[in-house]
Amino acid sequence: MSTPTLTTHAAARSRAHGPTAALWHAVELHRPVAEVDGACELTLCGSLARIDVEQVWPVPARDVCPACVVLAR
């Protein structure tokens, strides 16, 4: 019988691109937070965003990616 694993998500901020606003996204972490260097990572919705290790997912903001909210549940 396998033991359940706890999935950890980090908050990541995308860049504004054209008329698209910068949003907060969720990134699934497969390594310790100490090993995350703030580089761009692939988010749950498929965007690239820079991880902000000082932010906790879910972020208490209004500009959050709706797809990441659903996928991070």
PDB file of N, CA and C in Angstrom:
ATOM      1  N   MET A   1       0.845  -1.178   0.000  1.00  0.00           N
ATOM      2  CA  MET A   1       0.000   0.000   0.000  1.00  0.00           C
ATOM      3  C   MET A   1       0.890   1.241   0.000  1.00  0.00           C
ATOM      4  N   SER A   2       0.617   2.168  -0.873  1.00  0.00           N
ATOM      5  CA  SER A   2       1.441   3.373  -0.944  1.00  0.00           C
ATOM      6  C   SER A   2       0.941   4.410   0.053  1.00  0.00           C
ATOM      7  N   THR A   3       1.874   5.208   0.539  1.00  0.00           N
ATOM      8  CA  THR A   3       1.503   6.271   1.467  1.00  0.00           C
ATOM      9  C   THR A   3       1.220   7.544   0.683  1.00  0.00           C
ATOM     10  N   PRO A   4       0.206   8.294   1.080  1.00  0.00           N
ATOM     11  CA  PRO A   4      -0.094   9.537   0.355  1.00  0.00           C
ATOM     12  C   PRO A   4       1.006  10.559   0.567  1.00  0.00           C
ATOM     13  N   THR A   5       1.256  11.346  -0.458  1.00  0.00           N
ATOM     14  CA  THR A   5       2.272  12.389  -0.351  1.00  0.00           C
ATOM     15  C   THR A   5       1.594  13.746  -0.299  1.00  0.00           C
ATOM     16  N   LEU A   6       2.206  14.665   0.403  1.00  0.00           N
ATOM     17  CA  LEU A   6       1.699  16.014   0.501  1.00  0.00           C
ATOM     18  C   LEU A   6       2.289  16.834  -0.633  1.00  0.00           C
ATOM     19  N   THR A   7       1.435  17.411  -1.435  1.00  0.00           N
ATOM     20  CA  THR A   7       1.898  18.243  -2.544  1.00  0.00           C
ATOM     21  C   THR A   7       2.091  19.664  -2.050  1.00  0.00           C
ATOM     22  N   THR A   8       3.243  20.212  -2.325  1.00  0.00           N
ATOM     23  CA  THR A   8       3.555  21.576  -1.931  1.00  0.00           C
ATOM     24  C   THR A   8       3.524  22.469  -3.156  1.00  0.00           C
ATOM     25  N   HIS A   9       2.879  23.604  -3.006  1.00  0.00           N
ATOM     26  CA  HIS A   9       2.827  24.575  -4.091  1.00  0.00           C
ATOM     27  C   HIS A   9       3.519  25.857  -3.656  1.00  0.00           C
ATOM     28  N   ALA A  10       4.216  26.456  -4.582  1.00  0.00           N
ATOM     29  CA  ALA A  10       4.843  27.755  -4.354  1.00  0.00           C
ATOM     30  C   ALA A  10       4.115  28.788  -5.194  1.00  0.00           C
ATOM     31  N   ALA A  11       4.180  30.031  -4.748  1.00  0.00           N
ATOM     32  CA  ALA A  11       3.582  31.124  -5.518  1.00  0.00           C
ATOM     33  C   ALA A  11       4.620  31.665  -6.498  1.00  0.00           C
ATOM     34  N   ALA A  12       4.164  31.978  -7.693  1.00  0.00           N
ATOM     35  CA  ALA A  12       5.056  32.508  -8.727  1.00  0.00           C
ATOM     36  C   ALA A  12       4.345  33.647  -9.441  1.00  0.00           C
ATOM     37  N   ARG A  13       5.104  34.654  -9.802  1.00  0.00           N
ATOM     38  CA  ARG A  13       4.545  35.840 -10.451  1.00  0.00           C
ATOM     39  C   ARG A  13       4.940  35.838 -11.911  1.00  0.00           C
ATOM     40  N   SER A  14       3.944  35.943 -12.783  1.00  0.00           N
ATOM     41  CA  SER A  14       4.224  36.026 -14.217  1.00  0.00           C
ATOM     42  C   SER A  14       4.531  37.470 -14.598  1.00  0.00           C
ATOM     43  N   ARG A  15       5.027  37.647 -15.782  1.00  0.00           N
ATOM     44  CA  ARG A  15       5.285  38.995 -16.294  1.00  0.00           C
ATOM     45  C   ARG A  15       4.095  39.427 -17.134  1.00  0.00           C
ATOM     46  N   ALA A  16       3.823  40.709 -17.099  1.00  0.00           N
ATOM     47  CA  ALA A  16       2.776  41.247 -17.967  1.00  0.00           C
ATOM     48  C   ALA A  16       3.262  41.133 -19.407  1.00  0.00           C
ATOM     49  N   HIS A  17       2.377  40.744 -20.290  1.00  0.00           N
ATOM     50  CA  HIS A  17       2.746  40.580 -21.692  1.00  0.00           C
ATOM     51  C   HIS A  17       1.653  41.203 -22.547  1.00  0.00           C
ATOM     52  N   GLY A  18       1.976  42.318 -23.170  1.00  0.00           N
ATOM     53  CA  GLY A  18       0.970  43.021 -23.976  1.00  0.00           C
ATOM     54  C   GLY A  18      -0.183  43.466 -23.101  1.00  0.00           C
ATOM     55  N   PRO A  19      -1.406  43.171 -23.517  1.00  0.00           N
ATOM     56  CA  PRO A  19      -2.571  43.577 -22.720  1.00  0.00           C
ATOM     57  C   PRO A  19      -2.843  42.661 -21.535  1.00  0.00           C
ATOM     58  N   THR A  20      -2.054  41.607 -21.383  1.00  0.00           N
ATOM     59  CA  THR A  20      -2.249  40.654 -20.299  1.00  0.00           C
ATOM     60  C   THR A  20      -1.556  41.147 -19.037  1.00  0.00           C
ATOM     61  N   ALA A  21      -2.266  41.167 -17.939  1.00  0.00           N
ATOM     62  CA  ALA A  21      -1.701  41.602 -16.656  1.00  0.00           C
ATOM     63  C   ALA A  21      -0.845  40.499 -16.052  1.00  0.00           C
ATOM     64  N   ALA A  22       0.095  40.897 -15.213  1.00  0.00           N
ATOM     65  CA  ALA A  22       0.881  39.922 -14.462  1.00  0.00           C
ATOM     66  C   ALA A  22      -0.035  39.248 -13.444  1.00  0.00           C
ATOM     67  N   LEU A  23       0.069  37.944 -13.311  1.00  0.00           N
ATOM     68  CA  LEU A  23      -0.769  37.193 -12.385  1.00  0.00           C
ATOM     69  C   LEU A  23       0.084  36.347 -11.450  1.00  0.00           C
ATOM     70  N   TRP A  24      -0.498  35.979 -10.323  1.00  0.00           N
ATOM     71  CA  TRP A  24       0.114  35.004  -9.434  1.00  0.00           C
ATOM     72  C   TRP A  24      -0.311  33.622  -9.897  1.00  0.00           C
ATOM     73  N   HIS A  25       0.641  32.704  -9.943  1.00  0.00           N
ATOM     74  CA  HIS A  25       0.395  31.330 -10.379  1.00  0.00           C
ATOM     75  C   HIS A  25       0.891  30.354  -9.311  1.00  0.00           C
ATOM     76  N   ALA A  26       0.494  29.112  -9.452  1.00  0.00           N
ATOM     77  CA  ALA A  26       0.959  28.055  -8.557  1.00  0.00           C
ATOM     78  C   ALA A  26       1.959  27.171  -9.283  1.00  0.00           C
ATOM     79  N   VAL A  27       3.027  26.810  -8.581  1.00  0.00           N
ATOM     80  CA  VAL A  27       4.043  25.902  -9.098  1.00  0.00           C
ATOM     81  C   VAL A  27       4.132  24.727  -8.138  1.00  0.00           C
ATOM     82  N   GLU A  28       4.057  23.511  -8.673  1.00  0.00           N
ATOM     83  CA  GLU A  28       4.199  22.324  -7.837  1.00  0.00           C
ATOM     84  C   GLU A  28       5.683  22.090  -7.585  1.00  0.00           C
ATOM     85  N   LEU A  29       6.048  22.028  -6.313  1.00  0.00           N
ATOM     86  CA  LEU A  29       7.464  21.847  -5.956  1.00  0.00           C
ATOM     87  C   LEU A  29       7.783  20.368  -5.779  1.00  0.00           C
ATOM     88  N   HIS A  30       8.880  19.968  -6.390  1.00  0.00           N
ATOM     89  CA  HIS A  30       9.370  18.594  -6.269  1.00  0.00           C
ATOM     90  C   HIS A  30      10.737  18.577  -5.599  1.00  0.00           C
ATOM     91  N   ARG A  31      11.098  19.693  -4.979  1.00  0.00           N
ATOM     92  CA  ARG A  31      12.375  19.803  -4.266  1.00  0.00           C
ATOM     93  C   ARG A  31      12.179  20.777  -3.107  1.00  0.00           C
ATOM     94  N   PRO A  32      13.077  20.790  -2.159  1.00  0.00           N
ATOM     95  CA  PRO A  32      12.942  21.706  -1.018  1.00  0.00           C
ATOM     96  C   PRO A  32      12.975  23.163  -1.451  1.00  0.00           C
ATOM     97  N   VAL A  33      12.263  24.005  -0.715  1.00  0.00           N
ATOM     98  CA  VAL A  33      12.211  25.433  -1.021  1.00  0.00           C
ATOM     99  C   VAL A  33      13.610  26.046  -1.007  1.00  0.00           C
ATOM    100  N   ALA A  34      14.504  25.518  -0.162  1.00  0.00           N
ATOM    101  CA  ALA A  34      15.876  26.033  -0.094  1.00  0.00           C
ATOM    102  C   ALA A  34      16.614  25.866  -1.424  1.00  0.00           C
ATOM    103  N   GLU A  35      16.189  24.924  -2.248  1.00  0.00           N
ATOM    104  CA  GLU A  35      16.834  24.696  -3.542  1.00  0.00           C
ATOM    105  C   GLU A  35      16.230  25.525  -4.668  1.00  0.00           C
ATOM    106  N   VAL A  36      15.149  26.229  -4.396  1.00  0.00           N
ATOM    107  CA  VAL A  36      14.516  27.069  -5.412  1.00  0.00           C
ATOM    108  C   VAL A  36      15.268  28.385  -5.455  1.00  0.00           C
ATOM    109  N   ASP A  37      15.725  28.765  -6.623  1.00  0.00           N
ATOM    110  CA  ASP A  37      16.579  29.946  -6.735  1.00  0.00           C
ATOM    111  C   ASP A  37      15.881  31.162  -7.325  1.00  0.00           C
ATOM    112  N   GLY A  38      14.577  31.132  -7.457  1.00  0.00           N
ATOM    113  CA  GLY A  38      13.857  32.275  -8.000  1.00  0.00           C
ATOM    114  C   GLY A  38      13.817  32.304  -9.514  1.00  0.00           C
ATOM    115  N   ALA A  39      14.229  31.227 -10.141  1.00  0.00           N
ATOM    116  CA  ALA A  39      14.191  31.163 -11.601  1.00  0.00           C
ATOM    117  C   ALA A  39      12.756  30.946 -12.073  1.00  0.00           C
ATOM    118  N   CYS A  40      12.543  31.095 -13.350  1.00  0.00           N
ATOM    119  CA  CYS A  40      11.218  30.830 -13.904  1.00  0.00           C
ATOM    120  C   CYS A  40      10.958  29.336 -13.898  1.00  0.00           C
ATOM    121  N   GLU A  41       9.741  28.990 -13.550  1.00  0.00           N
ATOM    122  CA  GLU A  41       9.326  27.592 -13.493  1.00  0.00           C
ATOM    123  C   GLU A  41       8.018  27.459 -14.265  1.00  0.00           C
ATOM    124  N   LEU A  42       7.705  26.242 -14.662  1.00  0.00           N
ATOM    125  CA  LEU A  42       6.448  25.959 -15.329  1.00  0.00           C
ATOM    126  C   LEU A  42       5.344  25.878 -14.280  1.00  0.00           C
ATOM    127  N   THR A  43       4.287  26.651 -14.464  1.00  0.00           N
ATOM    128  CA  THR A  43       3.189  26.692 -13.500  1.00  0.00           C
ATOM    129  C   THR A  43       2.181  25.591 -13.796  1.00  0.00           C
ATOM    130  N   LEU A  44       1.229  25.426 -12.903  1.00  0.00           N
ATOM    131  CA  LEU A  44       0.216  24.389 -13.092  1.00  0.00           C
ATOM    132  C   LEU A  44      -0.600  24.599 -14.355  1.00  0.00           C
ATOM    133  N   CYS A  45      -0.804  25.866 -14.742  1.00  0.00           N
ATOM    134  CA  CYS A  45      -1.604  26.155 -15.936  1.00  0.00           C
ATOM    135  C   CYS A  45      -0.781  26.145 -17.221  1.00  0.00           C
ATOM    136  N   GLY A  46       0.542  25.974 -17.102  1.00  0.00           N
ATOM    137  CA  GLY A  46       1.389  25.901 -18.281  1.00  0.00           C
ATOM    138  C   GLY A  46       2.136  27.172 -18.615  1.00  0.00           C
ATOM    139  N   SER A  47       1.994  28.203 -17.806  1.00  0.00           N
ATOM    140  CA  SER A  47       2.727  29.452 -18.016  1.00  0.00           C
ATOM    141  C   SER A  47       4.116  29.344 -17.399  1.00  0.00           C
ATOM    142  N   LEU A  48       4.974  30.264 -17.761  1.00  0.00           N
ATOM    143  CA  LEU A  48       6.262  30.395 -17.087  1.00  0.00           C
ATOM    144  C   LEU A  48       6.171  31.575 -16.134  1.00  0.00           C
ATOM    145  N   ALA A  49       6.615  31.367 -14.899  1.00  0.00           N
ATOM    146  CA  ALA A  49       6.554  32.441 -13.906  1.00  0.00           C
ATOM    147  C   ALA A  49       7.713  32.282 -12.943  1.00  0.00           C
ATOM    148  N   ARG A  50       8.118  33.398 -12.353  1.00  0.00           N
ATOM    149  CA  ARG A  50       9.239  33.409 -11.416  1.00  0.00           C
ATOM    150  C   ARG A  50       8.731  33.147 -10.003  1.00  0.00           C
ATOM    151  N   ILE A  51       9.286  32.114  -9.361  1.00  0.00           N
ATOM    152  CA  ILE A  51       8.878  31.750  -8.003  1.00  0.00           C
ATOM    153  C   ILE A  51       9.312  32.829  -7.024  1.00  0.00           C
ATOM    154  N   ASP A  52       8.419  33.152  -6.118  1.00  0.00           N
ATOM    155  CA  ASP A  52       8.709  34.082  -5.030  1.00  0.00           C
ATOM    156  C   ASP A  52       8.606  33.283  -3.739  1.00  0.00           C
ATOM    157  N   VAL A  53       9.752  32.879  -3.198  1.00  0.00           N
ATOM    158  CA  VAL A  53       9.754  32.005  -2.015  1.00  0.00           C
ATOM    159  C   VAL A  53       9.241  32.711  -0.764  1.00  0.00           C
ATOM    160  N   GLU A  54       9.074  34.018  -0.817  1.00  0.00           N
ATOM    161  CA  GLU A  54       8.534  34.748   0.332  1.00  0.00           C
ATOM    162  C   GLU A  54       7.013  34.785   0.324  1.00  0.00           C
ATOM    163  N   GLN A  55       6.387  34.346  -0.751  1.00  0.00           N
ATOM    164  CA  GLN A  55       4.931  34.288  -0.846  1.00  0.00           C
ATOM    165  C   GLN A  55       4.472  32.851  -0.628  1.00  0.00           C
ATOM    166  N   VAL A  56       3.352  32.716   0.020  1.00  0.00           N
ATOM    167  CA  VAL A  56       2.767  31.398   0.285  1.00  0.00           C
ATOM    168  C   VAL A  56       1.570  31.210  -0.646  1.00  0.00           C
ATOM    169  N   TRP A  57       1.466  30.021  -1.211  1.00  0.00           N
ATOM    170  CA  TRP A  57       0.301  29.714  -2.043  1.00  0.00           C
ATOM    171  C   TRP A  57      -0.763  29.113  -1.171  1.00  0.00           C
ATOM    172  N   PRO A  58      -2.011  29.537  -1.252  1.00  0.00           N
ATOM    173  CA  PRO A  58      -2.541  30.542  -2.159  1.00  0.00           C
ATOM    174  C   PRO A  58      -2.255  31.951  -1.675  1.00  0.00           C
ATOM    175  N   VAL A  59      -1.962  32.830  -2.593  1.00  0.00           N
ATOM    176  CA  VAL A  59      -1.647  34.215  -2.238  1.00  0.00           C
ATOM    177  C   VAL A  59      -2.948  34.975  -1.967  1.00  0.00           C
ATOM    178  N   PRO A  60      -2.927  35.857  -0.981  1.00  0.00           N
ATOM    179  CA  PRO A  60      -4.132  36.643  -0.677  1.00  0.00           C
ATOM    180  C   PRO A  60      -4.223  37.870  -1.577  1.00  0.00           C
ATOM    181  N   ALA A  61      -4.324  37.655  -2.858  1.00  0.00           N
ATOM    182  CA  ALA A  61      -4.356  38.751  -3.820  1.00  0.00           C
ATOM    183  C   ALA A  61      -5.545  38.564  -4.751  1.00  0.00           C
ATOM    184  N   ARG A  62      -5.859  39.587  -5.486  1.00  0.00           N
ATOM    185  CA  ARG A  62      -6.973  39.511  -6.431  1.00  0.00           C
ATOM    186  C   ARG A  62      -6.510  39.102  -7.823  1.00  0.00           C
ATOM    187  N   ASP A  63      -5.225  39.321  -8.119  1.00  0.00           N
ATOM    188  CA  ASP A  63      -4.704  39.030  -9.457  1.00  0.00           C
ATOM    189  C   ASP A  63      -4.067  37.639  -9.506  1.00  0.00           C
ATOM    190  N   VAL A  64      -4.913  36.637  -9.303  1.00  0.00           N
ATOM    191  CA  VAL A  64      -4.464  35.244  -9.245  1.00  0.00           C
ATOM    192  C   VAL A  64      -5.029  34.509 -10.456  1.00  0.00           C
ATOM    193  N   CYS A  65      -4.211  33.651 -11.030  1.00  0.00           N
ATOM    194  CA  CYS A  65      -4.620  32.854 -12.195  1.00  0.00           C
ATOM    195  C   CYS A  65      -5.769  31.922 -11.799  1.00  0.00           C
ATOM    196  N   PRO A  66      -6.938  32.050 -12.444  1.00  0.00           N
ATOM    197  CA  PRO A  66      -8.058  31.197 -12.072  1.00  0.00           C
ATOM    198  C   PRO A  66      -7.808  29.718 -12.355  1.00  0.00           C
ATOM    199  N   ALA A  67      -7.061  29.410 -13.398  1.00  0.00           N
ATOM    200  CA  ALA A  67      -6.757  28.009 -13.704  1.00  0.00           C
ATOM    201  C   ALA A  67      -5.880  27.391 -12.627  1.00  0.00           C
ATOM    202  N   CYS A  68      -4.889  28.137 -12.133  1.00  0.00           N
ATOM    203  CA  CYS A  68      -4.022  27.621 -11.082  1.00  0.00           C
ATOM    204  C   CYS A  68      -4.787  27.390  -9.771  1.00  0.00           C
ATOM    205  N   VAL A  69      -5.751  28.253  -9.485  1.00  0.00           N
ATOM    206  CA  VAL A  69      -6.576  28.077  -8.282  1.00  0.00           C
ATOM    207  C   VAL A  69      -7.276  26.735  -8.330  1.00  0.00           C
ATOM    208  N   VAL A  70      -7.866  26.403  -9.471  1.00  0.00           N
ATOM    209  CA  VAL A  70      -8.591  25.142  -9.627  1.00  0.00           C
ATOM    210  C   VAL A  70      -7.622  23.961  -9.599  1.00  0.00           C
ATOM    211  N   LEU A  71      -6.508  24.071 -10.311  1.00  0.00           N
ATOM    212  CA  LEU A  71      -5.556  22.954 -10.410  1.00  0.00           C
ATOM    213  C   LEU A  71      -4.788  22.687  -9.125  1.00  0.00           C
ATOM    214  N   ALA A  72      -4.662  23.675  -8.265  1.00  0.00           N
ATOM    215  CA  ALA A  72      -3.902  23.505  -7.029  1.00  0.00           C
ATOM    216  C   ALA A  72      -4.729  22.900  -5.900  1.00  0.00           C
ATOM    217  N   ARG A  73      -5.975  22.647  -6.125  1.00  0.00           N
ATOM    218  CA  ARG A  73      -6.839  22.056  -5.082  1.00  0.00           C
ATOM    219  C   ARG A  73      -6.498  20.636  -4.819  1.00  0.00           C
TER     220      ARG A  73
END
